[in-house]
Amino acid sequence: MTHSELRRDVRQLADRLVEVVAAGDHGALAALVPRLLGGQSPERRLFPPLLAEFAAEVAWRLRAHAGAVRPEDVFVVDLTGDDEDGVPVDELPPPLRAVLRAVLAELNDDSENSLLQLEFVARDPDPLGRLDALLHLVWWVSDLR
């Protein structure tokens, strides 16, 4: 598979996931996810570049919403729980924490660190952790579109 074919497949899958989540189509989501996360899944190779695609899109859309950004500006995140109290980033599950750090790295023009964080997600032995990270990225993109 060529690089351009891989990019095309990742972009199509990303668009399909956002479409399915936005429509609340749980059946279609349940059919798509095992193809990415299963140990012997046919499209498992798409998972790392898919995470990168989503992280980059979240960062791009947040920048667009932020308006004019000066070179000295830095993006930060304020995490709150359901009770509106602050939540330390280190209390997040590791895959979700890594996804958040990847998006922040993208926002702050550090693609190398973003890819490193996403590699942590892709290598997480817990498929539910990988699923949580993926779905958060999909929800964020869906909310920002």
Protein backbone atom coordinates (compact mmCIF):
# COMPACT_ATOMS: atom_id res chain seq x y z
CA MET A 1 0.00 0.00 0.00
CA THR A 2 1.39 3.39 -0.98
CA HIS A 3 1.53 6.35 1.35
CA SER A 4 -1.20 8.14 -0.61
CA GLU A 5 -3.44 5.06 -0.44
CA LEU A 6 -2.89 4.86 3.32
CA ARG A 7 -3.76 8.57 3.73
CA ARG A 8 -6.88 8.08 1.61
CA ASP A 9 -8.00 5.05 3.66
CA VAL A 10 -7.35 6.86 6.95
CA ARG A 11 -9.25 9.97 5.79
CA GLN A 12 -12.22 7.86 4.63
CA LEU A 13 -12.30 5.94 7.89
CA ALA A 14 -12.01 9.14 9.93
CA ASP A 15 -14.92 10.70 8.05
CA ARG A 16 -16.99 7.53 8.46
CA LEU A 17 -16.33 7.38 12.22
CA VAL A 18 -17.32 11.03 12.69
CA GLU A 19 -20.44 10.49 10.60
CA VAL A 20 -21.44 7.40 12.61
CA VAL A 21 -20.85 9.11 15.97
CA ALA A 22 -22.68 12.27 14.92
CA ALA A 23 -25.66 10.17 13.81
CA GLY A 24 -25.60 8.13 17.03
CA ASP A 25 -25.42 4.93 14.94
CA HIS A 26 -24.20 2.53 17.61
CA GLY A 27 -24.59 -0.51 15.37
CA ALA A 28 -22.29 0.92 12.71
CA LEU A 29 -19.83 2.04 15.39
CA ALA A 30 -19.85 -1.46 16.90
CA ALA A 31 -19.02 -2.86 13.45
CA LEU A 32 -16.18 -0.38 12.77
CA VAL A 33 -14.32 -0.46 16.08
CA PRO A 34 -13.32 -4.15 16.20
CA ARG A 35 -11.78 -3.76 12.73
CA LEU A 36 -9.34 -1.27 14.28
CA LEU A 37 -8.74 -2.54 17.78
CA GLY A 38 -8.82 -6.32 17.59
CA GLY A 39 -5.49 -8.14 17.88
CA GLN A 40 -5.87 -9.75 14.46
CA SER A 41 -8.10 -7.08 12.97
CA PRO A 42 -7.71 -6.37 9.26
CA GLU A 43 -7.42 -2.60 9.59
CA ARG A 44 -5.33 -2.48 12.76
CA ARG A 45 -2.48 -0.83 10.80
CA LEU A 46 -4.76 2.18 10.28
CA PHE A 47 -5.13 2.85 14.02
CA PRO A 48 -1.93 4.90 14.65
CA PRO A 49 -2.33 7.14 11.58
CA LEU A 50 -6.04 7.49 12.36
CA LEU A 51 -5.22 8.80 15.83
CA ALA A 52 -2.75 11.26 14.27
CA GLU A 53 -5.35 12.39 11.73
CA PHE A 54 -7.89 13.09 14.46
CA ALA A 55 -5.41 14.84 16.77
CA ALA A 56 -4.29 17.09 13.91
CA GLU A 57 -7.88 17.89 12.97
CA VAL A 58 -8.85 18.70 16.56
CA ALA A 59 -5.86 21.05 16.81
CA TRP A 60 -6.61 22.65 13.43
CA ARG A 61 -10.27 23.23 14.32
CA LEU A 62 -9.41 24.62 17.78
CA ARG A 63 -6.94 27.03 16.19
CA ALA A 64 -9.63 28.10 13.71
CA HIS A 65 -12.07 28.71 16.58
CA ALA A 66 -9.44 30.61 18.57
CA GLY A 67 -8.98 33.24 15.89
CA ALA A 68 -5.73 35.15 15.62
CA VAL A 69 -2.94 33.38 17.50
CA ARG A 70 0.41 35.06 18.07
CA PRO A 71 3.65 33.05 18.03
CA GLU A 72 4.11 33.60 21.77
CA ASP A 73 0.62 32.26 22.61
CA VAL A 74 0.43 28.85 24.27
CA PHE A 75 -2.61 26.59 24.42
CA VAL A 76 -3.56 25.07 27.77
CA VAL A 77 -6.46 22.94 29.00
CA ASP A 78 -8.48 23.34 32.16
CA LEU A 79 -9.99 19.98 33.14
CA THR A 80 -13.10 19.83 35.29
CA GLY A 81 -15.21 16.95 36.47
CA ASP A 82 -18.98 16.66 36.57
CA ASP A 83 -18.95 18.58 39.85
CA GLU A 84 -17.04 21.46 38.15
CA ASP A 85 -14.00 20.84 40.39
CA GLY A 86 -10.59 20.77 38.74
CA VAL A 87 -9.19 17.40 37.72
CA PRO A 88 -5.41 16.91 37.56
CA VAL A 89 -4.34 15.55 34.18
CA ASP A 90 -2.46 12.73 35.92
CA GLU A 91 -5.77 11.38 37.22
CA LEU A 92 -6.99 10.67 33.69
CA PRO A 93 -6.60 7.12 32.36
CA PRO A 94 -3.24 6.88 30.55
CA PRO A 95 -4.63 6.60 26.97
CA LEU A 96 -6.94 9.57 27.42
CA ARG A 97 -4.16 11.58 29.06
CA ALA A 98 -1.88 10.77 26.11
CA VAL A 99 -4.53 11.85 23.59
CA LEU A 100 -5.03 15.14 25.41
CA ARG A 101 -1.28 15.72 25.50
CA ALA A 102 -1.05 14.86 21.80
CA VAL A 103 -3.66 17.49 20.92
CA LEU A 104 -1.90 20.06 23.09
CA ALA A 105 1.40 19.21 21.42
CA GLU A 106 -0.21 19.72 17.99
CA LEU A 107 -1.67 23.03 19.14
CA ASN A 108 1.75 24.15 20.31
CA ASP A 109 3.48 23.07 17.06
CA ASP A 110 5.20 20.02 18.52
CA SER A 111 4.17 17.26 16.10
CA GLU A 112 7.01 15.00 17.23
CA ASN A 113 5.70 14.94 20.82
CA SER A 114 2.16 14.48 19.53
CA LEU A 115 3.18 11.36 17.61
CA LEU A 116 5.02 10.04 20.67
CA GLN A 117 1.91 10.47 22.83
CA LEU A 118 -0.24 8.76 20.19
CA GLU A 119 2.21 5.87 20.05
CA PHE A 120 1.54 5.35 23.78
CA VAL A 121 -2.15 5.04 22.95
CA ALA A 122 -1.61 2.69 20.02
CA ARG A 123 0.58 0.40 22.15
CA ASP A 124 -1.70 0.38 25.19
CA PRO A 125 -2.42 -3.29 25.98
CA ASP A 126 -5.98 -2.49 27.08
CA PRO A 127 -8.34 -2.35 24.08
CA LEU A 128 -10.86 -0.39 26.18
CA GLY A 129 -8.23 2.27 26.83
CA ARG A 130 -7.52 2.51 23.10
CA LEU A 131 -11.26 2.65 22.42
CA ASP A 132 -11.75 5.45 24.97
CA ALA A 133 -8.95 7.48 23.41
CA LEU A 134 -10.27 6.98 19.88
CA LEU A 135 -13.85 7.84 20.79
CA HIS A 136 -12.81 11.02 22.58
CA LEU A 137 -10.96 12.18 19.50
CA VAL A 138 -13.95 11.34 17.30
CA TRP A 139 -16.35 13.19 19.64
CA TRP A 140 -14.07 16.22 19.75
CA VAL A 141 -13.85 16.36 15.96
CA SER A 142 -17.60 15.86 15.64
CA ASP A 143 -18.29 18.67 18.13
CA LEU A 144 -15.87 21.03 16.37
CA ARG A 145 -17.12 20.42 12.81
